[in-house]
Amino acid sequence: MKVMDDVLPTTLAENLYTTLTWDFKWHFLSNTTGRGYENHMDGRYPSMVNTVFDAHANVLDKDDFYRLESTVWILSDALGLNKENLARIRLGLYLPINHGAEHHTPHRDQQYPHTVVIYYVCGDDGDTFFFDKKGKNVVERVSPKRNRLVVFDGSTLHASSNPTKGHRISMNLNYKK
């Protein structure tokens, strides 16, 4: 796992934030992660999402893709990831909803070997949690911060969480290995 700060030029990071908070299509998702592994995790974790691109599901929102394209390619180049292997772009907008659990359900984004990049567009809290192979114990957590990213092996169980104040926006990129 690798955490990097200030990965985009400041102007581009600010422009991305403006784009995603002013004139962008968000879709309500009543349950961000599905049924939990433990009883205390059962329930619904609502959020706003936009799956801009998903190669497996044959989804491509051309307008939103073109608005994000340069940012995605800059991140791909900075991390040495082949843009031809990009499998999914999903954006998440999380609000301060107290659902009684520290984090959402641990999961893997894909069932095939992949690399995950989570780019934090904004947020002061609403950490991303990383778990052991059984998904029972937190082994690491990363706090969101504007213009921060975390990159990790897609086989790692992870979970988002809601902020306690304000909002958190993240861009999740999956690359086939």
C-alpha atoms as a PDB file:
ATOM      1  CA  MET A   1       0.000   0.000   0.000  1.00  0.00           C
ATOM      2  CA  LYS A   2       1.199   3.445  -0.852  1.00  0.00           C
ATOM      3  CA  VAL A   3      -0.221   6.830   0.205  1.00  0.00           C
ATOM      4  CA  MET A   4       0.695   9.948  -1.762  1.00  0.00           C
ATOM      5  CA  ASP A   5      -0.210  13.584  -1.089  1.00  0.00           C
ATOM      6  CA  ASP A   6      -0.462  16.473  -3.542  1.00  0.00           C
ATOM      7  CA  VAL A   7      -0.468  14.161  -6.561  1.00  0.00           C
ATOM      8  CA  LEU A   8      -2.232  16.562  -8.920  1.00  0.00           C
ATOM      9  CA  PRO A   9      -1.319  20.166  -9.657  1.00  0.00           C
ATOM     10  CA  THR A  10      -3.322  22.351  -7.253  1.00  0.00           C
ATOM     11  CA  THR A  11      -5.327  24.004 -10.032  1.00  0.00           C
ATOM     12  CA  LEU A  12      -6.398  20.630 -11.444  1.00  0.00           C
ATOM     13  CA  ALA A  13      -7.346  19.318  -7.979  1.00  0.00           C
ATOM     14  CA  GLU A  14      -9.440  22.433  -7.334  1.00  0.00           C
ATOM     15  CA  ASN A  15     -11.070  22.184 -10.762  1.00  0.00           C
ATOM     16  CA  LEU A  16     -11.970  18.533 -10.139  1.00  0.00           C
ATOM     17  CA  TYR A  17     -13.608  19.479  -6.829  1.00  0.00           C
ATOM     18  CA  THR A  18     -15.598  22.273  -8.501  1.00  0.00           C
ATOM     19  CA  THR A  19     -16.690  19.958 -11.309  1.00  0.00           C
ATOM     20  CA  LEU A  20     -17.893  17.269  -8.912  1.00  0.00           C
ATOM     21  CA  THR A  21     -19.710  19.649  -6.563  1.00  0.00           C
ATOM     22  CA  TRP A  22     -21.324  22.000  -9.017  1.00  0.00           C
ATOM     23  CA  ASP A  23     -22.431  20.425 -12.274  1.00  0.00           C
ATOM     24  CA  PHE A  24     -22.153  16.670 -11.992  1.00  0.00           C
ATOM     25  CA  LYS A  25     -24.623  13.779 -12.115  1.00  0.00           C
ATOM     26  CA  TRP A  26     -24.849  11.912  -8.838  1.00  0.00           C
ATOM     27  CA  HIS A  27     -27.094   8.885  -8.369  1.00  0.00           C
ATOM     28  CA  PHE A  28     -28.572   7.774  -5.056  1.00  0.00           C
ATOM     29  CA  LEU A  29     -27.444   4.358  -3.882  1.00  0.00           C
ATOM     30  CA  SER A  30     -29.498   3.128  -0.927  1.00  0.00           C
ATOM     31  CA  ASN A  31     -26.908   0.589   0.190  1.00  0.00           C
ATOM     32  CA  THR A  32     -23.261   1.410  -0.525  1.00  0.00           C
ATOM     33  CA  THR A  33     -21.786  -1.962   0.406  1.00  0.00           C
ATOM     34  CA  GLY A  34     -24.553  -4.518   0.839  1.00  0.00           C
ATOM     35  CA  ARG A  35     -25.190  -6.872   3.722  1.00  0.00           C
ATOM     36  CA  GLY A  36     -22.408  -6.928   6.282  1.00  0.00           C
ATOM     37  CA  TYR A  37     -20.290  -9.789   7.564  1.00  0.00           C
ATOM     38  CA  GLU A  38     -21.339  -9.253  11.182  1.00  0.00           C
ATOM     39  CA  ASN A  39     -24.727  -8.477  12.715  1.00  0.00           C
ATOM     40  CA  HIS A  40     -23.628  -4.999  13.779  1.00  0.00           C
ATOM     41  CA  MET A  41     -22.724  -4.260  10.151  1.00  0.00           C
ATOM     42  CA  ASP A  42     -26.106  -5.270   8.725  1.00  0.00           C
ATOM     43  CA  GLY A  43     -28.106  -2.351   7.442  1.00  0.00           C
ATOM     44  CA  ARG A  44     -28.019   0.288   4.799  1.00  0.00           C
ATOM     45  CA  TYR A  45     -25.266   2.763   4.086  1.00  0.00           C
ATOM     46  CA  PRO A  46     -26.630   5.295   1.598  1.00  0.00           C
ATOM     47  CA  SER A  47     -24.380   7.381  -0.614  1.00  0.00           C
ATOM     48  CA  MET A  48     -24.296   9.144  -3.933  1.00  0.00           C
ATOM     49  CA  VAL A  49     -22.332   7.488  -6.736  1.00  0.00           C
ATOM     50  CA  ASN A  50     -21.477   7.783 -10.387  1.00  0.00           C
ATOM     51  CA  THR A  51     -19.974   4.827 -12.213  1.00  0.00           C
ATOM     52  CA  VAL A  52     -18.456   6.693 -15.138  1.00  0.00           C
ATOM     53  CA  PHE A  53     -16.788   3.650 -16.681  1.00  0.00           C
ATOM     54  CA  ASP A  54     -16.993  -0.074 -16.055  1.00  0.00           C
ATOM     55  CA  ALA A  55     -15.453  -2.301 -18.719  1.00  0.00           C
ATOM     56  CA  HIS A  56     -16.934  -5.486 -17.245  1.00  0.00           C
ATOM     57  CA  ALA A  57     -20.497  -4.093 -17.128  1.00  0.00           C
ATOM     58  CA  ASN A  58     -20.099  -2.300 -20.467  1.00  0.00           C
ATOM     59  CA  VAL A  59     -20.810   1.116 -18.902  1.00  0.00           C
ATOM     60  CA  LEU A  60     -19.422   4.344 -20.308  1.00  0.00           C
ATOM     61  CA  ASP A  61     -20.838   7.785 -19.626  1.00  0.00           C
ATOM     62  CA  LYS A  62     -18.975   9.631 -22.376  1.00  0.00           C
ATOM     63  CA  ASP A  63     -19.712  13.151 -21.115  1.00  0.00           C
ATOM     64  CA  ASP A  64     -18.467  12.459 -17.594  1.00  0.00           C
ATOM     65  CA  PHE A  65     -15.572  10.353 -18.852  1.00  0.00           C
ATOM     66  CA  TYR A  66     -14.279  13.185 -21.025  1.00  0.00           C
ATOM     67  CA  ARG A  67     -14.570  15.595 -18.094  1.00  0.00           C
ATOM     68  CA  LEU A  68     -12.392  13.301 -15.949  1.00  0.00           C
ATOM     69  CA  GLU A  69     -10.115  11.872 -18.622  1.00  0.00           C
ATOM     70  CA  SER A  70      -7.071  14.128 -18.180  1.00  0.00           C
ATOM     71  CA  THR A  71      -7.144  13.658 -14.398  1.00  0.00           C
ATOM     72  CA  VAL A  72      -7.332   9.875 -14.742  1.00  0.00           C
ATOM     73  CA  TRP A  73      -4.458   9.773 -17.259  1.00  0.00           C
ATOM     74  CA  ILE A  74      -2.271  12.006 -15.052  1.00  0.00           C
ATOM     75  CA  LEU A  75      -2.898   9.710 -12.076  1.00  0.00           C
ATOM     76  CA  SER A  76      -2.222   6.624 -14.219  1.00  0.00           C
ATOM     77  CA  ASP A  77       1.088   8.064 -15.423  1.00  0.00           C
ATOM     78  CA  ALA A  78       2.137   9.191 -11.930  1.00  0.00           C
ATOM     79  CA  LEU A  79       1.632   5.644 -10.649  1.00  0.00           C
ATOM     80  CA  GLY A  80       3.084   3.846 -13.669  1.00  0.00           C
ATOM     81  CA  LEU A  81      -0.263   2.169 -14.405  1.00  0.00           C
ATOM     82  CA  ASN A  82      -1.180   1.358 -17.991  1.00  0.00           C
ATOM     83  CA  LYS A  83      -4.318   3.299 -18.918  1.00  0.00           C
ATOM     84  CA  GLU A  84      -5.239   0.482 -21.311  1.00  0.00           C
ATOM     85  CA  ASN A  85      -5.820  -1.666 -18.203  1.00  0.00           C
ATOM     86  CA  LEU A  86      -8.328   0.739 -16.664  1.00  0.00           C
ATOM     87  CA  ALA A  87     -11.374  -1.344 -15.740  1.00  0.00           C
ATOM     88  CA  ARG A  88     -13.552   1.019 -13.704  1.00  0.00           C
ATOM     89  CA  ILE A  89     -14.010   4.634 -12.642  1.00  0.00           C
ATOM     90  CA  ARG A  90     -16.473   5.071  -9.803  1.00  0.00           C
ATOM     91  CA  LEU A  91     -17.012   8.240  -7.814  1.00  0.00           C
ATOM     92  CA  GLY A  92     -18.497   8.280  -4.337  1.00  0.00           C
ATOM     93  CA  LEU A  93     -20.029  11.151  -2.371  1.00  0.00           C
ATOM     94  CA  TYR A  94     -20.458  10.368   1.314  1.00  0.00           C
ATOM     95  CA  LEU A  95     -22.410  12.509   3.764  1.00  0.00           C
ATOM     96  CA  PRO A  96     -22.273  12.665   7.579  1.00  0.00           C
ATOM     97  CA  ILE A  97     -24.796   9.915   8.308  1.00  0.00           C
ATOM     98  CA  ASN A  98     -24.401   8.179  11.659  1.00  0.00           C
ATOM     99  CA  HIS A  99     -25.375   4.560  11.013  1.00  0.00           C
ATOM    100  CA  GLY A 100     -23.845   3.228  14.206  1.00  0.00           C
ATOM    101  CA  ALA A 101     -20.892   1.432  12.616  1.00  0.00           C
ATOM    102  CA  GLU A 102     -17.323   2.658  12.298  1.00  0.00           C
ATOM    103  CA  HIS A 103     -17.075   1.580   8.651  1.00  0.00           C
ATOM    104  CA  HIS A 104     -19.035   0.010   5.821  1.00  0.00           C
ATOM    105  CA  THR A 105     -18.774  -3.651   4.809  1.00  0.00           C
ATOM    106  CA  PRO A 106     -15.273  -4.937   3.946  1.00  0.00           C
ATOM    107  CA  HIS A 107     -15.116  -5.889   0.278  1.00  0.00           C
ATOM    108  CA  ARG A 108     -13.013  -6.282  -2.849  1.00  0.00           C
ATOM    109  CA  ASP A 109     -13.947  -4.193  -5.873  1.00  0.00           C
ATOM    110  CA  GLN A 110     -13.394  -6.970  -8.435  1.00  0.00           C
ATOM    111  CA  GLN A 111     -13.067 -10.742  -8.443  1.00  0.00           C
ATOM    112  CA  TYR A 112     -10.022 -10.746 -10.732  1.00  0.00           C
ATOM    113  CA  PRO A 113      -6.455  -9.507 -10.046  1.00  0.00           C
ATOM    114  CA  HIS A 114      -6.435  -5.720 -10.064  1.00  0.00           C
ATOM    115  CA  THR A 115      -4.904  -2.603  -8.566  1.00  0.00           C
ATOM    116  CA  VAL A 116      -7.075  -0.056  -6.751  1.00  0.00           C
ATOM    117  CA  VAL A 117      -6.433   3.668  -6.653  1.00  0.00           C
ATOM    118  CA  ILE A 118      -8.595   5.770  -4.349  1.00  0.00           C
ATOM    119  CA  TYR A 119      -8.139   9.475  -5.003  1.00  0.00           C
ATOM    120  CA  TYR A 120      -9.621  11.754  -2.354  1.00  0.00           C
ATOM    121  CA  VAL A 121     -11.171  14.791  -4.002  1.00  0.00           C
ATOM    122  CA  CYS A 122     -12.047  16.199  -0.568  1.00  0.00           C
ATOM    123  CA  GLY A 123     -12.775  15.219   3.008  1.00  0.00           C
ATOM    124  CA  ASP A 124     -11.486  15.669   6.524  1.00  0.00           C
ATOM    125  CA  ASP A 125     -12.622  12.348   7.890  1.00  0.00           C
ATOM    126  CA  GLY A 126     -14.500   9.285   6.716  1.00  0.00           C
ATOM    127  CA  ASP A 127     -11.459   7.025   6.618  1.00  0.00           C
ATOM    128  CA  THR A 128     -10.841   4.056   4.345  1.00  0.00           C
ATOM    129  CA  PHE A 129     -10.221   0.922   6.414  1.00  0.00           C
ATOM    130  CA  PHE A 130      -8.025  -2.009   5.374  1.00  0.00           C
ATOM    131  CA  PHE A 131      -8.475  -5.488   6.826  1.00  0.00           C
ATOM    132  CA  ASP A 132      -6.756  -8.803   7.330  1.00  0.00           C
ATOM    133  CA  LYS A 133      -7.568 -11.604   4.876  1.00  0.00           C
ATOM    134  CA  LYS A 134     -10.628 -12.687   6.896  1.00  0.00           C
ATOM    135  CA  GLY A 135     -12.052  -9.164   7.052  1.00  0.00           C
ATOM    136  CA  LYS A 136     -12.256  -9.245  10.835  1.00  0.00           C
ATOM    137  CA  ASN A 137      -9.405  -6.994  11.966  1.00  0.00           C
ATOM    138  CA  VAL A 138      -8.445  -3.526  10.780  1.00  0.00           C
ATOM    139  CA  VAL A 139      -4.753  -3.520   9.883  1.00  0.00           C
ATOM    140  CA  GLU A 140      -4.539   0.021   8.534  1.00  0.00           C
ATOM    141  CA  ARG A 141      -6.656   3.073   7.854  1.00  0.00           C
ATOM    142  CA  VAL A 142      -6.154   6.103   5.636  1.00  0.00           C
ATOM    143  CA  SER A 143      -7.788   9.456   6.304  1.00  0.00           C
ATOM    144  CA  PRO A 144      -9.063  11.424   3.324  1.00  0.00           C
ATOM    145  CA  LYS A 145      -7.421  14.682   2.461  1.00  0.00           C
ATOM    146  CA  ARG A 146      -7.862  16.803  -0.637  1.00  0.00           C
ATOM    147  CA  ASN A 147      -5.439  15.665  -3.352  1.00  0.00           C
ATOM    148  CA  ARG A 148      -4.353  12.476  -1.555  1.00  0.00           C
ATOM    149  CA  LEU A 149      -4.448   8.989  -2.996  1.00  0.00           C
ATOM    150  CA  VAL A 150      -3.909   5.483  -1.779  1.00  0.00           C
ATOM    151  CA  VAL A 151      -2.953   2.665  -4.129  1.00  0.00           C
ATOM    152  CA  PHE A 152      -3.138  -0.996  -3.122  1.00  0.00           C
ATOM    153  CA  ASP A 153      -3.552  -4.543  -4.367  1.00  0.00           C
ATOM    154  CA  GLY A 154      -7.185  -5.232  -5.206  1.00  0.00           C
ATOM    155  CA  SER A 155      -7.197  -8.478  -3.215  1.00  0.00           C
ATOM    156  CA  THR A 156      -7.037  -6.368  -0.025  1.00  0.00           C
ATOM    157  CA  LEU A 157     -10.347  -6.169   1.807  1.00  0.00           C
ATOM    158  CA  HIS A 158     -11.245  -2.530   2.399  1.00  0.00           C
ATOM    159  CA  ALA A 159     -14.214  -0.400   3.455  1.00  0.00           C
ATOM    160  CA  SER A 160     -15.239   3.209   3.237  1.00  0.00           C
ATOM    161  CA  SER A 161     -16.888   5.162   6.035  1.00  0.00           C
ATOM    162  CA  ASN A 162     -19.050   8.220   6.343  1.00  0.00           C
ATOM    163  CA  PRO A 163     -17.564  11.501   7.505  1.00  0.00           C
ATOM    164  CA  THR A 164     -18.715  12.983  10.802  1.00  0.00           C
ATOM    165  CA  LYS A 165     -18.916  16.459   9.281  1.00  0.00           C
ATOM    166  CA  GLY A 166     -19.032  17.947   5.803  1.00  0.00           C
ATOM    167  CA  HIS A 167     -18.731  15.541   2.911  1.00  0.00           C
ATOM    168  CA  ARG A 168     -16.168  13.232   1.369  1.00  0.00           C
ATOM    169  CA  ILE A 169     -15.730  12.672  -2.352  1.00  0.00           C
ATOM    170  CA  SER A 170     -13.471   9.938  -3.680  1.00  0.00           C
ATOM    171  CA  MET A 171     -12.647   8.621  -7.124  1.00  0.00           C
ATOM    172  CA  ASN A 172     -12.049   4.883  -7.204  1.00  0.00           C
ATOM    173  CA  LEU A 173     -10.018   3.573 -10.156  1.00  0.00           C
ATOM    174  CA  ASN A 174      -9.546  -0.149 -10.835  1.00  0.00           C
ATOM    175  CA  TYR A 175      -6.818  -1.411 -13.180  1.00  0.00           C
ATOM    176  CA  LYS A 176      -6.612  -5.008 -14.397  1.00  0.00           C
ATOM    177  CA  LYS A 177      -3.272  -6.631 -13.657  1.00  0.00           C
END
